């Protein structure tokens, strides 16, 4: 299986997974880049996976239907382009012979889901939309800090090698914030240097393995004493996970 991050808009990634003949496309916010990628490799479109309802993740779905030879899978409780097979946690969807477990990950949006494949595509893989980014997490547009904390804990529990395929190229700016939260974290410092080289070469910084994310991502490290102290210094109402995450997410919103 080939995994490709197809750039879209200014900083989106549309993910494409193909076997050399057919492809699965994840969160096609616009159709043009997907059509170009399919044509360049002479691929048919076997399925579309949608993680949440935001326009920069679903805007290309309807235009791609003329090429689509299978279903659109998406969240059961969000307003996404129809027809769409709606799913919730516990469901399993199949495409290109691969089995994807659906995980409920509310926080960024109320009905956000992720798709996890444990085998068949190389290392495990999770398409997590805008819930988890490399070194960061999504803004809380519709959910609560407690919901996002619970959602991120689910993703953090995935196997170390799981490739985190998120919706945006935010890694360098996220790492600058992570460094402010944990200035003595050597893993963060090293990864900033690595990602700056990648971006200078025009290459994506993702996917990132979940094992690394547990070392560099402050939103997965809300139980670490240094993260707790940083959150308290920025107004956290308590030392529990939801309070810590809420404080550092608010801090991140204002961080420059």
C-alpha atoms as a PDB file:
ATOM      1  CA  UNK A   1       0.000   0.000   0.000  1.00  0.00           C
ATOM      2  CA  UNK A   2       1.189   3.486  -0.871  1.00  0.00           C
ATOM      3  CA  UNK A   3       0.366   6.347   1.490  1.00  0.00           C
ATOM      4  CA  UNK A   4       0.424   9.875   0.109  1.00  0.00           C
ATOM      5  CA  UNK A   5      -0.236  13.258   1.701  1.00  0.00           C
ATOM      6  CA  UNK A   6      -1.891  15.265  -1.090  1.00  0.00           C
ATOM      7  CA  UNK A   7      -1.520  19.012  -0.381  1.00  0.00           C
ATOM      8  CA  UNK A   8      -4.657  21.156  -0.595  1.00  0.00           C
ATOM      9  CA  UNK A   9      -5.491  24.784   0.129  1.00  0.00           C
ATOM     10  CA  UNK A  10      -2.672  26.466   2.071  1.00  0.00           C
ATOM     11  CA  UNK A  11      -1.902  23.807   4.680  1.00  0.00           C
ATOM     12  CA  UNK A  12      -4.385  20.908   4.373  1.00  0.00           C
ATOM     13  CA  UNK A  13      -3.513  17.322   3.625  1.00  0.00           C
ATOM     14  CA  UNK A  14      -5.883  14.993   1.803  1.00  0.00           C
ATOM     15  CA  UNK A  15      -4.674  11.459   2.483  1.00  0.00           C
ATOM     16  CA  UNK A  16      -4.592   8.855  -0.264  1.00  0.00           C
ATOM     17  CA  UNK A  17      -3.944   5.149   0.289  1.00  0.00           C
ATOM     18  CA  UNK A  18      -3.564   3.037  -2.854  1.00  0.00           C
ATOM     19  CA  UNK A  19      -2.569  -0.439  -3.984  1.00  0.00           C
ATOM     20  CA  UNK A  20      -1.339   0.644  -7.423  1.00  0.00           C
ATOM     21  CA  UNK A  21      -4.777   0.204  -8.985  1.00  0.00           C
ATOM     22  CA  UNK A  22      -7.365   1.744  -6.680  1.00  0.00           C
ATOM     23  CA  UNK A  23      -7.294   4.330  -3.920  1.00  0.00           C
ATOM     24  CA  UNK A  24      -9.006   5.377  -0.718  1.00  0.00           C
ATOM     25  CA  UNK A  25      -9.144   9.142  -0.204  1.00  0.00           C
ATOM     26  CA  UNK A  26      -9.559  10.730   3.225  1.00  0.00           C
ATOM     27  CA  UNK A  27     -11.112  14.157   3.863  1.00  0.00           C
ATOM     28  CA  UNK A  28     -11.116  15.589   0.325  1.00  0.00           C
ATOM     29  CA  UNK A  29     -11.649  19.261   1.041  1.00  0.00           C
ATOM     30  CA  UNK A  30     -11.229  20.034  -2.645  1.00  0.00           C
ATOM     31  CA  UNK A  31     -11.485  17.745  -5.629  1.00  0.00           C
ATOM     32  CA  UNK A  32      -8.794  19.112  -7.952  1.00  0.00           C
ATOM     33  CA  UNK A  33      -5.702  17.816  -6.123  1.00  0.00           C
ATOM     34  CA  UNK A  34      -7.344  14.394  -5.729  1.00  0.00           C
ATOM     35  CA  UNK A  35      -8.256  14.190  -9.408  1.00  0.00           C
ATOM     36  CA  UNK A  36      -4.704  15.131 -10.366  1.00  0.00           C
ATOM     37  CA  UNK A  37      -3.217  12.504  -8.033  1.00  0.00           C
ATOM     38  CA  UNK A  38      -5.562   9.792  -9.299  1.00  0.00           C
ATOM     39  CA  UNK A  39      -4.862  10.667 -12.938  1.00  0.00           C
ATOM     40  CA  UNK A  40      -1.092  10.797 -12.436  1.00  0.00           C
ATOM     41  CA  UNK A  41      -1.116   7.199 -11.164  1.00  0.00           C
ATOM     42  CA  UNK A  42      -4.054   5.950 -13.226  1.00  0.00           C
ATOM     43  CA  UNK A  43      -5.959   4.980 -10.104  1.00  0.00           C
ATOM     44  CA  UNK A  44      -9.658   4.391  -9.643  1.00  0.00           C
ATOM     45  CA  UNK A  45     -11.375   5.796  -6.566  1.00  0.00           C
ATOM     46  CA  UNK A  46     -12.612   2.933  -4.387  1.00  0.00           C
ATOM     47  CA  UNK A  47     -13.858   4.798  -1.298  1.00  0.00           C
ATOM     48  CA  UNK A  48     -13.891   8.109   0.532  1.00  0.00           C
ATOM     49  CA  UNK A  49     -13.436   8.410   4.302  1.00  0.00           C
ATOM     50  CA  UNK A  50     -14.659  11.556   6.074  1.00  0.00           C
ATOM     51  CA  UNK A  51     -13.707  12.392   9.671  1.00  0.00           C
ATOM     52  CA  UNK A  52     -15.818  15.507  10.304  1.00  0.00           C
ATOM     53  CA  UNK A  53     -18.069  18.062   8.665  1.00  0.00           C
ATOM     54  CA  UNK A  54     -15.819  21.099   8.131  1.00  0.00           C
ATOM     55  CA  UNK A  55     -15.781  22.374   4.561  1.00  0.00           C
ATOM     56  CA  UNK A  56     -12.016  22.021   4.159  1.00  0.00           C
ATOM     57  CA  UNK A  57     -12.489  18.281   4.700  1.00  0.00           C
ATOM     58  CA  UNK A  58     -15.681  17.584   2.731  1.00  0.00           C
ATOM     59  CA  UNK A  59     -15.797  20.290   0.045  1.00  0.00           C
ATOM     60  CA  UNK A  60     -14.627  17.995  -2.760  1.00  0.00           C
ATOM     61  CA  UNK A  61     -16.799  14.979  -1.975  1.00  0.00           C
ATOM     62  CA  UNK A  62     -19.680  15.707  -4.336  1.00  0.00           C
ATOM     63  CA  UNK A  63     -17.465  16.472  -7.326  1.00  0.00           C
ATOM     64  CA  UNK A  64     -15.566  13.221  -6.789  1.00  0.00           C
ATOM     65  CA  UNK A  65     -18.726  11.088  -6.849  1.00  0.00           C
ATOM     66  CA  UNK A  66     -18.544  10.776 -10.647  1.00  0.00           C
ATOM     67  CA  UNK A  67     -15.272   8.843 -10.181  1.00  0.00           C
ATOM     68  CA  UNK A  68     -16.259   6.968  -7.053  1.00  0.00           C
ATOM     69  CA  UNK A  69     -16.716   3.203  -7.394  1.00  0.00           C
ATOM     70  CA  UNK A  70     -17.632   2.570  -3.761  1.00  0.00           C
ATOM     71  CA  UNK A  71     -19.063   4.208  -0.646  1.00  0.00           C
ATOM     72  CA  UNK A  72     -18.467   7.386   1.303  1.00  0.00           C
ATOM     73  CA  UNK A  73     -17.921   6.538   4.983  1.00  0.00           C
ATOM     74  CA  UNK A  74     -18.305   9.292   7.562  1.00  0.00           C
ATOM     75  CA  UNK A  75     -19.583  10.323  10.983  1.00  0.00           C
ATOM     76  CA  UNK A  76     -23.148   9.314  11.799  1.00  0.00           C
ATOM     77  CA  UNK A  77     -23.880  12.427  13.829  1.00  0.00           C
ATOM     78  CA  UNK A  78     -22.568  15.227  11.632  1.00  0.00           C
ATOM     79  CA  UNK A  79     -23.954  17.075   8.622  1.00  0.00           C
ATOM     80  CA  UNK A  80     -21.755  15.750   5.827  1.00  0.00           C
ATOM     81  CA  UNK A  81     -22.508  15.481   2.078  1.00  0.00           C
ATOM     82  CA  UNK A  82     -25.078  12.782   1.389  1.00  0.00           C
ATOM     83  CA  UNK A  83     -25.355   9.964   0.570  1.00  0.00           C
ATOM     84  CA  UNK A  84     -22.876   8.838   3.209  1.00  0.00           C
ATOM     85  CA  UNK A  85     -22.671   5.672   5.297  1.00  0.00           C
ATOM     86  CA  UNK A  86     -22.685   7.051   8.845  1.00  0.00           C
ATOM     87  CA  UNK A  87     -20.635   5.349  11.547  1.00  0.00           C
ATOM     88  CA  UNK A  88     -19.843   5.519  15.248  1.00  0.00           C
ATOM     89  CA  UNK A  89     -17.304   3.920  17.560  1.00  0.00           C
ATOM     90  CA  UNK A  90     -17.433   0.139  17.446  1.00  0.00           C
ATOM     91  CA  UNK A  91     -18.265   0.040  13.758  1.00  0.00           C
ATOM     92  CA  UNK A  92     -15.870  -1.402  11.200  1.00  0.00           C
ATOM     93  CA  UNK A  93     -15.669  -0.306   7.564  1.00  0.00           C
ATOM     94  CA  UNK A  94     -13.883  -2.099   4.749  1.00  0.00           C
ATOM     95  CA  UNK A  95     -12.220  -0.664   1.663  1.00  0.00           C
ATOM     96  CA  UNK A  96      -9.437  -1.970  -0.613  1.00  0.00           C
ATOM     97  CA  UNK A  97      -9.490  -5.136   1.466  1.00  0.00           C
ATOM     98  CA  UNK A  98      -8.520  -3.155   4.556  1.00  0.00           C
ATOM     99  CA  UNK A  99     -10.405  -3.125   7.845  1.00  0.00           C
ATOM    100  CA  UNK A 100     -10.832   0.250   9.551  1.00  0.00           C
ATOM    101  CA  UNK A 101     -12.102   0.522  13.117  1.00  0.00           C
ATOM    102  CA  UNK A 102     -14.147   3.648  13.796  1.00  0.00           C
ATOM    103  CA  UNK A 103     -13.243   5.630  16.929  1.00  0.00           C
ATOM    104  CA  UNK A 104     -15.370   8.454  18.343  1.00  0.00           C
ATOM    105  CA  UNK A 105     -13.098  11.450  18.987  1.00  0.00           C
ATOM    106  CA  UNK A 106     -15.300  14.473  19.801  1.00  0.00           C
ATOM    107  CA  UNK A 107     -13.741  17.775  20.776  1.00  0.00           C
ATOM    108  CA  UNK A 108     -12.864  19.642  17.601  1.00  0.00           C
ATOM    109  CA  UNK A 109     -16.398  18.902  16.399  1.00  0.00           C
ATOM    110  CA  UNK A 110     -19.180  17.135  18.270  1.00  0.00           C
ATOM    111  CA  UNK A 111     -19.350  14.015  16.100  1.00  0.00           C
ATOM    112  CA  UNK A 112     -15.737  13.746  14.890  1.00  0.00           C
ATOM    113  CA  UNK A 113     -14.521  10.202  14.184  1.00  0.00           C
ATOM    114  CA  UNK A 114     -11.188   8.593  13.333  1.00  0.00           C
ATOM    115  CA  UNK A 115     -10.411   5.515  11.240  1.00  0.00           C
ATOM    116  CA  UNK A 116      -7.796   3.046  12.529  1.00  0.00           C
ATOM    117  CA  UNK A 117      -6.240   0.207  10.519  1.00  0.00           C
ATOM    118  CA  UNK A 118      -4.074  -2.201  12.498  1.00  0.00           C
ATOM    119  CA  UNK A 119      -2.713  -4.314   9.644  1.00  0.00           C
ATOM    120  CA  UNK A 120      -2.678  -4.685   5.879  1.00  0.00           C
ATOM    121  CA  UNK A 121      -1.352  -1.211   5.069  1.00  0.00           C
ATOM    122  CA  UNK A 122       2.152  -1.646   6.469  1.00  0.00           C
ATOM    123  CA  UNK A 123       2.521  -0.130   9.932  1.00  0.00           C
ATOM    124  CA  UNK A 124      -0.778   0.663  11.705  1.00  0.00           C
ATOM    125  CA  UNK A 125      -2.399   3.887  10.599  1.00  0.00           C
ATOM    126  CA  UNK A 126      -4.978   6.307  11.990  1.00  0.00           C
ATOM    127  CA  UNK A 127      -6.762   8.969   9.977  1.00  0.00           C
ATOM    128  CA  UNK A 128      -7.643  11.433  12.719  1.00  0.00           C
ATOM    129  CA  UNK A 129      -8.710  14.580  10.866  1.00  0.00           C
ATOM    130  CA  UNK A 130      -8.339  17.643  13.098  1.00  0.00           C
ATOM    131  CA  UNK A 131      -8.452  15.921  16.491  1.00  0.00           C
ATOM    132  CA  UNK A 132      -4.756  15.088  16.847  1.00  0.00           C
ATOM    133  CA  UNK A 133      -1.960  16.908  15.032  1.00  0.00           C
ATOM    134  CA  UNK A 134       1.728  16.220  15.264  1.00  0.00           C
ATOM    135  CA  UNK A 135       2.723  18.024  18.484  1.00  0.00           C
ATOM    136  CA  UNK A 136      -0.768  19.506  18.826  1.00  0.00           C
ATOM    137  CA  UNK A 137      -4.532  19.063  18.783  1.00  0.00           C
ATOM    138  CA  UNK A 138      -7.477  20.764  17.131  1.00  0.00           C
ATOM    139  CA  UNK A 139      -9.289  23.801  18.437  1.00  0.00           C
ATOM    140  CA  UNK A 140     -12.360  23.099  20.547  1.00  0.00           C
ATOM    141  CA  UNK A 141     -15.034  24.461  18.210  1.00  0.00           C
ATOM    142  CA  UNK A 142     -17.878  22.235  19.415  1.00  0.00           C
ATOM    143  CA  UNK A 143     -16.569  20.053  22.230  1.00  0.00           C
ATOM    144  CA  UNK A 144     -15.240  20.472  25.749  1.00  0.00           C
ATOM    145  CA  UNK A 145     -11.719  20.086  27.134  1.00  0.00           C
ATOM    146  CA  UNK A 146     -12.855  16.927  28.925  1.00  0.00           C
ATOM    147  CA  UNK A 147     -14.113  15.447  25.650  1.00  0.00           C
ATOM    148  CA  UNK A 148     -10.892  16.298  23.834  1.00  0.00           C
ATOM    149  CA  UNK A 149      -8.823  14.875  26.682  1.00  0.00           C
ATOM    150  CA  UNK A 150     -10.746  11.609  26.479  1.00  0.00           C
ATOM    151  CA  UNK A 151     -10.480  11.513  22.680  1.00  0.00           C
ATOM    152  CA  UNK A 152      -6.732  12.099  22.727  1.00  0.00           C
ATOM    153  CA  UNK A 153      -6.294   9.392  25.354  1.00  0.00           C
ATOM    154  CA  UNK A 154      -7.959   6.922  22.979  1.00  0.00           C
ATOM    155  CA  UNK A 155      -5.539   7.861  20.201  1.00  0.00           C
ATOM    156  CA  UNK A 156      -2.534   7.856  22.548  1.00  0.00           C
ATOM    157  CA  UNK A 157      -3.373   4.254  23.479  1.00  0.00           C
ATOM    158  CA  UNK A 158      -2.832   3.047  19.903  1.00  0.00           C
ATOM    159  CA  UNK A 159       0.347   1.051  19.168  1.00  0.00           C
ATOM    160  CA  UNK A 160       3.612   3.015  19.151  1.00  0.00           C
ATOM    161  CA  UNK A 161       4.175   2.522  15.415  1.00  0.00           C
ATOM    162  CA  UNK A 162       0.738   3.854  14.433  1.00  0.00           C
ATOM    163  CA  UNK A 163       1.143   6.540  11.782  1.00  0.00           C
ATOM    164  CA  UNK A 164      -0.807   9.674  12.707  1.00  0.00           C
ATOM    165  CA  UNK A 165      -2.330  11.043   9.499  1.00  0.00           C
ATOM    166  CA  UNK A 166      -3.790  14.410  10.418  1.00  0.00           C
ATOM    167  CA  UNK A 167      -5.499  17.094   8.378  1.00  0.00           C
ATOM    168  CA  UNK A 168      -2.988  19.958   8.425  1.00  0.00           C
ATOM    169  CA  UNK A 169       0.698  20.848   8.232  1.00  0.00           C
ATOM    170  CA  UNK A 170       0.974  22.601  11.590  1.00  0.00           C
ATOM    171  CA  UNK A 171       3.933  20.707  13.027  1.00  0.00           C
ATOM    172  CA  UNK A 172       6.627  23.393  13.206  1.00  0.00           C
ATOM    173  CA  UNK A 173       4.368  25.960  14.862  1.00  0.00           C
ATOM    174  CA  UNK A 174       3.008  23.275  17.187  1.00  0.00           C
ATOM    175  CA  UNK A 175       6.534  22.315  18.196  1.00  0.00           C
ATOM    176  CA  UNK A 176       7.392  25.924  19.018  1.00  0.00           C
ATOM    177  CA  UNK A 177       4.463  25.933  21.419  1.00  0.00           C
ATOM    178  CA  UNK A 178       5.391  22.510  22.794  1.00  0.00           C
ATOM    179  CA  UNK A 179       8.876  23.868  23.516  1.00  0.00           C
ATOM    180  CA  UNK A 180       7.317  26.761  25.458  1.00  0.00           C
ATOM    181  CA  UNK A 181       5.356  24.255  27.548  1.00  0.00           C
ATOM    182  CA  UNK A 182       8.349  21.934  28.083  1.00  0.00           C
ATOM    183  CA  UNK A 183      11.547  23.936  27.431  1.00  0.00           C
ATOM    184  CA  UNK A 184      13.781  21.106  28.672  1.00  0.00           C
ATOM    185  CA  UNK A 185      12.253  18.348  26.546  1.00  0.00           C
ATOM    186  CA  UNK A 186      15.104  17.195  24.288  1.00  0.00           C
ATOM    187  CA  UNK A 187      12.772  15.160  22.072  1.00  0.00           C
ATOM    188  CA  UNK A 188      10.922  18.347  21.151  1.00  0.00           C
ATOM    189  CA  UNK A 189      14.147  20.244  20.442  1.00  0.00           C
ATOM    190  CA  UNK A 190      15.473  17.506  18.170  1.00  0.00           C
ATOM    191  CA  UNK A 191      12.194  17.145  16.315  1.00  0.00           C
ATOM    192  CA  UNK A 192      11.958  20.890  15.635  1.00  0.00           C
ATOM    193  CA  UNK A 193      15.298  20.689  13.821  1.00  0.00           C
ATOM    194  CA  UNK A 194      14.197  17.627  11.864  1.00  0.00           C
ATOM    195  CA  UNK A 195      10.905  19.190  10.799  1.00  0.00           C
ATOM    196  CA  UNK A 196      12.479  22.479   9.772  1.00  0.00           C
ATOM    197  CA  UNK A 197      14.739  20.565   7.381  1.00  0.00           C
ATOM    198  CA  UNK A 198      11.745  18.699   5.953  1.00  0.00           C
ATOM    199  CA  UNK A 199       9.729  21.875   5.422  1.00  0.00           C
ATOM    200  CA  UNK A 200      12.691  23.665   3.835  1.00  0.00           C
ATOM    201  CA  UNK A 201      12.804  20.797   1.328  1.00  0.00           C
ATOM    202  CA  UNK A 202       9.053  21.079   0.699  1.00  0.00           C
ATOM    203  CA  UNK A 203       8.330  17.740   2.368  1.00  0.00           C
ATOM    204  CA  UNK A 204       5.529  16.939   4.843  1.00  0.00           C
ATOM    205  CA  UNK A 205       6.322  16.393   8.513  1.00  0.00           C
ATOM    206  CA  UNK A 206       3.593  13.772   8.824  1.00  0.00           C
ATOM    207  CA  UNK A 207       2.688  10.992   9.303  1.00  0.00           C
ATOM    208  CA  UNK A 208       4.252  10.854  12.742  1.00  0.00           C
ATOM    209  CA  UNK A 209       4.261   7.694  14.889  1.00  0.00           C
ATOM    210  CA  UNK A 210       2.099   7.809  18.001  1.00  0.00           C
ATOM    211  CA  UNK A 211       5.079   6.689  20.102  1.00  0.00           C
ATOM    212  CA  UNK A 212       6.872   9.910  19.172  1.00  0.00           C
ATOM    213  CA  UNK A 213       3.739  11.964  19.768  1.00  0.00           C
ATOM    214  CA  UNK A 214       3.587  10.729  23.348  1.00  0.00           C
ATOM    215  CA  UNK A 215       7.067  12.226  23.835  1.00  0.00           C
ATOM    216  CA  UNK A 216       6.603  15.590  22.089  1.00  0.00           C
ATOM    217  CA  UNK A 217       2.912  16.471  22.151  1.00  0.00           C
ATOM    218  CA  UNK A 218       1.874  18.480  25.233  1.00  0.00           C
ATOM    219  CA  UNK A 219      -1.772  17.563  24.688  1.00  0.00           C
ATOM    220  CA  UNK A 220      -0.859  13.893  25.151  1.00  0.00           C
ATOM    221  CA  UNK A 221       1.274  14.745  28.184  1.00  0.00           C
ATOM    222  CA  UNK A 222      -1.304  16.347  30.476  1.00  0.00           C
ATOM    223  CA  UNK A 223      -0.286  14.058  33.351  1.00  0.00           C
ATOM    224  CA  UNK A 224       3.370  15.142  33.222  1.00  0.00           C
ATOM    225  CA  UNK A 225       4.295  17.390  36.186  1.00  0.00           C
ATOM    226  CA  UNK A 226       5.973  20.028  33.999  1.00  0.00           C
ATOM    227  CA  UNK A 227       2.902  20.264  31.757  1.00  0.00           C
ATOM    228  CA  UNK A 228       0.604  20.478  34.767  1.00  0.00           C
ATOM    229  CA  UNK A 229       2.696  23.301  36.256  1.00  0.00           C
ATOM    230  CA  UNK A 230       2.706  25.170  32.944  1.00  0.00           C
ATOM    231  CA  UNK A 231      -1.069  24.814  32.730  1.00  0.00           C
ATOM    232  CA  UNK A 232      -1.565  26.054  36.295  1.00  0.00           C
ATOM    233  CA  UNK A 233       0.646  29.051  35.515  1.00  0.00           C
ATOM    234  CA  UNK A 234      -1.695  29.807  32.603  1.00  0.00           C
ATOM    235  CA  UNK A 235      -4.914  29.654  34.553  1.00  0.00           C
ATOM    236  CA  UNK A 236      -5.839  25.978  34.818  1.00  0.00           C
ATOM    237  CA  UNK A 237      -8.734  25.519  37.235  1.00  0.00           C
ATOM    238  CA  UNK A 238      -7.267  22.255  38.515  1.00  0.00           C
ATOM    239  CA  UNK A 239      -4.665  19.577  37.897  1.00  0.00           C
ATOM    240  CA  UNK A 240      -6.893  16.999  36.243  1.00  0.00           C
ATOM    241  CA  UNK A 241      -6.498  16.122  32.580  1.00  0.00           C
ATOM    242  CA  UNK A 242      -9.429  18.132  31.270  1.00  0.00           C
ATOM    243  CA  UNK A 243      -8.455  21.259  33.204  1.00  0.00           C
ATOM    244  CA  UNK A 244      -4.820  20.989  32.094  1.00  0.00           C
ATOM    245  CA  UNK A 245      -5.737  20.420  28.456  1.00  0.00           C
ATOM    246  CA  UNK A 246      -8.223  23.305  28.496  1.00  0.00           C
ATOM    247  CA  UNK A 247      -5.634  25.709  29.875  1.00  0.00           C
ATOM    248  CA  UNK A 248      -2.893  24.822  27.426  1.00  0.00           C
ATOM    249  CA  UNK A 249      -5.340  24.809  24.494  1.00  0.00           C
ATOM    250  CA  UNK A 250      -6.415  28.361  25.444  1.00  0.00           C
ATOM    251  CA  UNK A 251      -2.741  29.321  25.780  1.00  0.00           C
ATOM    252  CA  UNK A 252      -2.038  27.805  22.347  1.00  0.00           C
ATOM    253  CA  UNK A 253      -4.866  29.861  20.809  1.00  0.00           C
ATOM    254  CA  UNK A 254      -3.038  33.028  21.863  1.00  0.00           C
ATOM    255  CA  UNK A 255       0.544  31.820  21.337  1.00  0.00           C
ATOM    256  CA  UNK A 256       2.687  33.627  18.781  1.00  0.00           C
END
